[in-house]
Amino acid sequence: MAAAGQQEGSLTQPAAAPAKSPSALSQPAAPIRGRPKKCLVYPHPPKSSCLSRSVLRWLQGLDLSFFPRNVNRDFSNGFLIAEIFSIYYPREVMISSFENGTSLKVKLDNWAQLEKFLARKKFKLPKELIHGTIHCKAGVPEILIQEVYTLLTHREVKSIQDDLVNFTDYSYQMRLPLVARSTASKSIKDNIRLSELLSNPNMLSNELKVEFLFLLHMLQRRLNRKLNPKWFDVKSTVGEVTLNQIPAQASGSSYNSKILRKRAVPVS
């Protein structure tokens, strides 16, 4: 009986814990998995954008739902513009009534709501800028963002581009080498978007746009021929050759002949 009691006591005793090696004691505890810590991330600036540093810093500090990487594309539907105005006027601009889409109908609906809000607040944004932004005209969204920045912050920045009066790629074409410049048909395709034709199917206005672009292209070609006559093998006319090669002695000889005639004594 005593032996059995000793066996039961030995069974009930807990086993001794194994001794931990010094290497195991020096190892750090396993990290507890959970939500990662939030860190402030500055998004990259838009690609090929002419926005100033102050406007970029302003956009980065607004905490938008997404940061624009392609300015011409991301601002065309008006969703980001509406989000910017909703940050400054949360009770008057409800971002839930705007849709972040790419179709022409979505763009026109969003900008129609924005135009009503701008009319109520008596903010002036040129319709040409809105039209150019909807149809992704090169360089126009940057000017629109600059105008919005001036309206909301009452700060002025240096003008981005001074030659974007007609909202064409004329300035870009003039910076290209002569071989890479667009032809007349390519210029018309690049400067008239399909969304413009769908939103305004008036044939007369579209024909006027085509005529304007064709005249602008012809003026560009004439200017190129004037600036680079050797490239186009431009030959001077007879009148230009005559004006450029007037001999200097001819005028002097005629002048001297007149003096000699005055001094000549008539023979009796």
Protein backbone atom coordinates (compact mmCIF):
# COMPACT_ATOMS: atom_id res chain seq x y z
CA MET A 1 0.00 0.00 0.00
CA ALA A 2 2.84 2.36 0.83
CA ALA A 3 4.48 1.59 -2.45
CA ALA A 4 1.25 2.30 -4.31
CA GLY A 5 0.88 5.59 -2.49
CA GLN A 6 4.38 6.56 -3.47
CA GLN A 7 3.62 5.72 -7.12
CA GLU A 8 0.45 7.86 -7.10
CA GLY A 9 2.37 10.75 -5.55
CA SER A 10 4.99 10.44 -8.20
CA LEU A 11 2.34 10.50 -10.89
CA THR A 12 0.64 13.62 -9.57
CA GLN A 13 3.83 15.66 -9.28
CA PRO A 14 4.27 18.08 -12.18
CA ALA A 15 7.22 17.59 -14.47
CA ALA A 16 10.07 19.99 -14.00
CA ALA A 17 10.33 22.68 -16.69
CA PRO A 18 13.30 22.27 -19.01
CA ALA A 19 16.15 24.65 -18.39
CA LYS A 20 16.29 27.49 -20.87
CA SER A 21 19.54 28.02 -22.67
CA PRO A 22 21.16 31.46 -22.48
CA SER A 23 20.70 31.85 -26.23
CA ALA A 24 16.94 31.35 -25.86
CA LEU A 25 16.78 33.91 -23.07
CA SER A 26 18.52 36.52 -25.17
CA GLN A 27 16.05 36.20 -28.09
CA PRO A 28 13.35 38.94 -28.24
CA ALA A 29 9.71 38.10 -27.93
CA ALA A 30 7.73 37.55 -31.11
CA PRO A 31 6.00 40.74 -32.32
CA ILE A 32 2.30 40.94 -31.79
CA ARG A 33 0.45 41.09 -35.10
CA GLY A 34 -2.05 43.85 -35.52
CA ARG A 35 -2.86 46.97 -37.54
CA PRO A 36 0.26 48.68 -38.84
CA LYS A 37 1.11 52.09 -37.53
CA LYS A 38 -0.12 54.96 -39.65
CA CYS A 39 2.64 57.01 -41.18
CA LEU A 40 2.45 60.24 -43.17
CA VAL A 41 3.02 59.47 -46.83
CA TYR A 42 3.52 62.26 -49.34
CA PRO A 43 2.24 61.16 -52.74
CA HIS A 44 4.37 61.69 -55.77
CA PRO A 45 3.69 64.80 -57.88
CA PRO A 46 1.70 64.38 -61.09
CA LYS A 47 3.59 63.27 -64.15
CA SER A 48 4.40 65.96 -66.74
CA SER A 49 2.57 68.68 -64.87
CA CYS A 50 3.22 72.43 -64.84
CA LEU A 51 1.70 72.98 -61.40
CA SER A 52 3.71 75.16 -59.05
CA ARG A 53 5.15 73.84 -55.79
CA SER A 54 2.71 75.85 -53.67
CA VAL A 55 -0.30 74.36 -55.50
CA LEU A 56 1.14 70.85 -55.19
CA ARG A 57 1.69 71.30 -51.45
CA TRP A 58 -1.87 72.58 -51.12
CA LEU A 59 -3.25 69.51 -52.93
CA GLN A 60 -1.16 67.17 -50.77
CA GLY A 61 -2.48 68.77 -47.58
CA LEU A 62 -6.16 68.39 -48.53
CA ASP A 63 -6.26 64.62 -47.84
CA LEU A 64 -8.14 63.78 -51.04
CA SER A 65 -9.57 60.33 -51.71
CA PHE A 66 -6.84 59.81 -54.33
CA PHE A 67 -3.99 61.98 -55.49
CA PRO A 68 -4.00 62.98 -59.18
CA ARG A 69 -1.22 61.30 -61.13
CA ASN A 70 -2.45 62.40 -64.57
CA VAL A 71 -3.84 65.93 -64.27
CA ASN A 72 -5.57 65.99 -67.66
CA ARG A 73 -7.42 62.74 -66.95
CA ASP A 74 -8.07 62.86 -63.19
CA PHE A 75 -9.62 66.34 -63.09
CA SER A 76 -11.72 66.01 -66.25
CA ASN A 77 -14.80 64.49 -64.56
CA GLY A 78 -14.96 67.18 -61.86
CA PHE A 79 -15.01 64.70 -58.96
CA LEU A 80 -11.74 65.92 -57.40
CA ILE A 81 -12.78 69.55 -57.87
CA ALA A 82 -16.05 68.80 -56.07
CA GLU A 83 -14.11 67.06 -53.28
CA ILE A 84 -11.88 70.13 -52.89
CA PHE A 85 -14.90 72.43 -52.61
CA SER A 86 -16.59 70.01 -50.18
CA ILE A 87 -13.61 70.36 -47.82
CA TYR A 88 -14.06 74.15 -47.72
CA TYR A 89 -17.89 74.12 -47.93
CA PRO A 90 -19.04 70.78 -46.44
CA ARG A 91 -22.67 71.84 -45.99
CA GLU A 92 -23.12 73.15 -49.53
CA VAL A 93 -21.25 70.56 -51.60
CA MET A 94 -22.24 66.95 -50.87
CA ILE A 95 -19.64 64.65 -52.35
CA SER A 96 -22.14 61.78 -52.32
CA SER A 97 -24.05 63.43 -55.17
CA PHE A 98 -20.98 63.26 -57.46
CA GLU A 99 -19.77 60.21 -59.32
CA ASN A 100 -16.17 59.32 -60.09
CA GLY A 101 -16.61 58.03 -63.65
CA THR A 102 -15.11 58.49 -67.08
CA SER A 103 -18.16 58.69 -69.34
CA LEU A 104 -19.19 61.95 -70.94
CA LYS A 105 -22.57 61.88 -69.17
CA VAL A 106 -20.89 61.63 -65.75
CA LYS A 107 -18.55 64.49 -66.58
CA LEU A 108 -21.35 66.79 -67.76
CA ASP A 109 -23.53 65.97 -64.72
CA ASN A 110 -20.73 66.63 -62.24
CA TRP A 111 -19.73 69.91 -63.85
CA ALA A 112 -23.37 71.02 -64.10
CA GLN A 113 -23.68 70.65 -60.31
CA LEU A 114 -20.41 72.48 -59.80
CA GLU A 115 -21.50 75.35 -62.04
CA LYS A 116 -24.69 75.75 -59.97
CA PHE A 117 -22.62 75.89 -56.79
CA LEU A 118 -20.20 78.40 -58.32
CA ALA A 119 -23.13 80.59 -59.39
CA ARG A 120 -24.57 80.54 -55.85
CA LYS A 121 -21.25 81.50 -54.31
CA LYS A 122 -20.55 84.02 -57.11
CA PHE A 123 -17.26 82.34 -57.95
CA LYS A 124 -16.05 83.04 -61.45
CA LEU A 125 -14.44 80.21 -63.37
CA PRO A 126 -14.20 80.81 -67.13
CA LYS A 127 -16.35 78.41 -69.12
CA GLU A 128 -13.49 77.97 -71.56
CA LEU A 129 -11.42 76.42 -68.76
CA ILE A 130 -14.28 74.10 -67.75
CA HIS A 131 -14.84 73.09 -71.38
CA GLY A 132 -11.13 72.44 -71.92
CA THR A 133 -10.88 70.43 -68.69
CA ILE A 134 -13.85 68.22 -69.60
CA HIS A 135 -12.32 67.40 -72.97
CA CYS A 136 -8.76 66.93 -71.60
CA LYS A 137 -7.17 69.82 -73.46
CA ALA A 138 -3.43 69.90 -72.83
CA GLY A 139 -2.47 72.43 -70.14
CA VAL A 140 -6.01 73.61 -69.39
CA PRO A 141 -6.62 71.61 -66.15
CA GLU A 142 -3.49 73.15 -64.62
CA ILE A 143 -4.85 76.65 -65.20
CA LEU A 144 -8.24 75.60 -63.75
CA ILE A 145 -6.60 74.22 -60.59
CA GLN A 146 -4.62 77.42 -60.26
CA GLU A 147 -7.85 79.44 -60.47
CA VAL A 148 -9.50 77.22 -57.82
CA TYR A 149 -6.43 77.63 -55.59
CA THR A 150 -6.68 81.42 -55.92
CA LEU A 151 -10.43 81.39 -55.18
CA LEU A 152 -10.16 79.29 -52.03
CA THR A 153 -6.88 80.49 -50.53
CA HIS A 154 -6.88 84.10 -51.80
CA ARG A 155 -3.27 83.63 -52.87
CA GLU A 156 -1.97 84.28 -56.33
CA VAL A 157 0.66 82.22 -58.08
CA LYS A 158 2.66 82.90 -61.19
CA SER A 159 0.82 82.17 -64.41
CA ILE A 160 1.61 78.72 -65.77
CA GLN A 161 1.48 79.44 -69.49
CA ASP A 162 0.79 82.67 -71.30
CA ASP A 163 0.09 81.36 -74.80
CA LEU A 164 -2.87 79.06 -74.09
CA VAL A 165 -5.47 81.45 -75.41
CA ASN A 166 -6.83 79.09 -78.07
CA PHE A 167 -6.32 75.86 -76.04
CA THR A 168 -4.39 74.09 -78.78
CA ASP A 169 -1.01 72.35 -78.83
CA TYR A 170 0.57 75.17 -80.89
CA SER A 171 3.22 76.01 -78.28
CA TYR A 172 4.10 72.33 -77.88
CA GLN A 173 4.45 71.89 -81.63
CA MET A 174 6.76 74.89 -81.91
CA ARG A 175 9.11 73.32 -79.35
CA LEU A 176 9.42 70.11 -81.37
CA PRO A 177 11.98 69.61 -84.14
CA LEU A 178 10.70 70.15 -87.66
CA VAL A 179 10.54 66.43 -88.48
CA ALA A 180 8.38 65.58 -85.44
CA ARG A 181 5.72 68.26 -85.94
CA SER A 182 2.17 67.25 -86.78
CA THR A 183 0.59 67.39 -90.19
CA ALA A 184 -2.70 69.20 -90.79
CA SER A 185 -4.85 66.07 -90.34
CA LYS A 186 -2.93 65.00 -87.21
CA SER A 187 -3.33 68.49 -85.74
CA ILE A 188 -7.10 68.37 -86.26
CA LYS A 189 -7.34 64.90 -84.67
CA ASP A 190 -5.25 65.94 -81.67
CA ASN A 191 -7.09 69.20 -80.96
CA ILE A 192 -10.70 68.08 -81.51
CA ARG A 193 -11.74 65.31 -79.11
CA LEU A 194 -14.49 62.82 -79.72
CA SER A 195 -16.21 64.01 -76.55
CA GLU A 196 -16.44 67.51 -78.07
CA LEU A 197 -18.26 66.16 -81.11
CA LEU A 198 -20.61 64.14 -78.92
CA SER A 199 -21.41 66.99 -76.55
CA ASN A 200 -21.84 69.54 -79.34
CA PRO A 201 -23.02 67.85 -82.56
CA ASN A 202 -23.54 71.18 -84.33
CA MET A 203 -21.88 70.78 -87.73
CA LEU A 204 -21.32 74.51 -88.25
CA SER A 205 -19.36 75.01 -85.04
CA ASN A 206 -17.28 71.91 -85.69
CA GLU A 207 -16.49 73.10 -89.22
CA LEU A 208 -15.36 76.45 -87.81
CA LYS A 209 -13.06 74.65 -85.38
CA VAL A 210 -11.54 72.64 -88.23
CA GLU A 211 -11.03 75.77 -90.33
CA PHE A 212 -9.38 77.56 -87.42
CA LEU A 213 -7.00 74.66 -86.79
CA PHE A 214 -6.17 74.43 -90.50
CA LEU A 215 -5.38 78.17 -90.68
CA LEU A 216 -3.27 77.89 -87.55
CA HIS A 217 -1.35 75.01 -89.09
CA MET A 218 -0.76 76.95 -92.32
CA LEU A 219 0.55 79.95 -90.35
CA GLN A 220 2.85 77.61 -88.46
CA ARG A 221 4.20 76.20 -91.74
CA ARG A 222 4.81 79.69 -93.14
CA LEU A 223 6.66 80.65 -90.00
CA ASN A 224 8.75 77.50 -90.24
CA ARG A 225 9.68 78.29 -93.84
CA LYS A 226 10.71 81.80 -92.85
CA LEU A 227 12.82 80.64 -89.91
CA ASN A 228 14.37 77.63 -91.66
CA PRO A 229 14.69 78.41 -95.41
CA LYS A 230 17.55 75.94 -95.97
CA TRP A 231 15.55 73.04 -94.54
CA PHE A 232 12.66 73.63 -96.96
CA ASP A 233 14.98 74.57 -99.85
CA VAL A 234 13.26 77.92 -100.27
CA LYS A 235 14.55 79.78 -103.34
CA SER A 236 14.50 83.55 -103.42
CA THR A 237 12.39 85.33 -105.99
CA VAL A 238 13.82 87.63 -108.65
CA GLY A 239 12.76 90.69 -106.67
CA GLU A 240 14.40 89.40 -103.45
CA VAL A 241 17.60 88.60 -105.33
CA THR A 242 17.64 92.07 -106.88
CA LEU A 243 17.09 93.80 -103.53
CA ASN A 244 19.70 91.71 -101.77
CA GLN A 245 22.38 92.12 -104.45
CA ILE A 246 22.30 95.84 -105.31
CA PRO A 247 25.89 96.80 -106.12
CA ALA A 248 27.26 99.48 -103.87
CA GLN A 249 29.20 101.12 -106.75
CA ALA A 250 26.11 101.62 -108.87
CA SER A 251 24.65 104.30 -106.61
CA GLY A 252 28.06 105.97 -106.26
CA SER A 253 28.72 105.97 -110.00
CA SER A 254 25.35 107.53 -110.75
CA TYR A 255 26.02 110.18 -108.15
CA ASN A 256 29.47 110.88 -109.63
CA SER A 257 28.07 111.04 -113.16
CA LYS A 258 25.60 113.69 -112.04
CA ILE A 259 28.43 115.75 -110.56
CA LEU A 260 30.48 115.42 -113.73
CA ARG A 261 27.54 116.57 -115.83
CA LYS A 262 27.17 119.67 -113.69
CA ARG A 263 30.85 120.49 -113.97
CA ALA A 264 31.00 119.84 -117.71
CA VAL A 265 31.30 122.97 -119.83
CA PRO A 266 29.28 122.96 -123.04
CA VAL A 267 31.43 123.10 -126.19
CA SER A 268 30.73 126.15 -128.37
